[in-house]
Amino acid sequence: MKQNFISINLKLVGSLCNLNCKYCYEHEQYGNRNTGFISVDDIINYINFLRNQYKYIKIILHGGEPLLYPKDKMNRLLQYYKNESNIHIAIQTNGLLIDQEWIDIFKNYSNDFLFSISLDSKDSLLRDFKTDKLSQKFKLIKDNNLKIGIVSVISKENIDTTKYKKFIHMLINKFQINFLTINKIRFNNQIKDSFINELEYTNFLIDIFNYWIEKKLYNQLKINPFLDLMQNKNSCIFNSNLQKCNSFITIYPPFNIKGCDHQKGQTNNLSKCLGCHIFDFCGGGCIYEIQDETFCDARFKLFNYIQSLKNE
């Protein structure tokens, strides 16, 4: 009997990137270096093996920077799975290498393709670039009738919600962004001073979500984790399945298969959470990220907030 779902992070070029963002967990583990490319034939053979075990396969082109992968190889991979209803290909990119040739490659795979682009706001000092360098890339994507989603990491540098609300309006009004995902910065030794705890992240989310509702911005921009929490479609850090990590595979060049790429170091023992009455909502966070002392209070606060909205 087939299992329902598997998500594959394809590190097409390993940790190689055209940027060197300070909080990148890839660079903390592996550095910004060229370890070669993953072969298209190896990818196809492995996916064909997995399709006999899973009903649905999601492939995320990841990095490093996946657009450093040769265009002819990328095109071959996308075309091979172009008409597959149970295999979906997505990308996470910094966006700076997007050009018309890349647009054509992805549009030929799907004329509804969404580019998921990493961008934190004008106030974040942890990335190597500012938003103005992406303006022409966003315009190019929109001119070709494709979609843009933003993945934004919140740290000490951009946790000011007054400024972040201006950033949201810029995404809507200047760039016509469709989706925004707001993540908390993951701890690593290079950015200790930029780290925020769970309660700071929760307070940030609640303020932003209240503003999003008050200004009726939901008609223009979809924001996660808010929508997922409201619809009980919890991402892995809110997922209470103790086997949740088994739904993720990461592949590095030349073809090294691992579990979730966050699986390193000390684990967060979720057994202590099983008796908690909000565990189905909270999920205990990432199993491979030790939770700070505010974690439980923050998750209870977020739970009560979401429940109050559902009861309105």
Foldseek 3Di string as FASTA:
>chain_A
DAAAFAEEEEAQQQAAAPWDFQQDPSCVVPNNDGPDGEALVVVVVVVVVNVVRYQAYEYEHEHNANVVHDLVRLLVNLVVCLPPPRYHYAYEHQQLPDDVSNLVSVCVSPVAHEHEHEDAAQQDPRIDDHCVSCLVSLVSCVVSVYAYEYEHEAWQRPLPLVRVVVVVVCCCPRRLHAEYEYHYRADDPRPVVTHDALQSVLVSVVVVVVVCVVVVVCVRYYYPPLVCLLVVVDDQQQAQPPCVQVSYWYADPHGDIDTPPLPDDAFADCPVVVPPPCCRGRNNGGRNGHHDPCNVVSSVVNVVSSVVVVVD
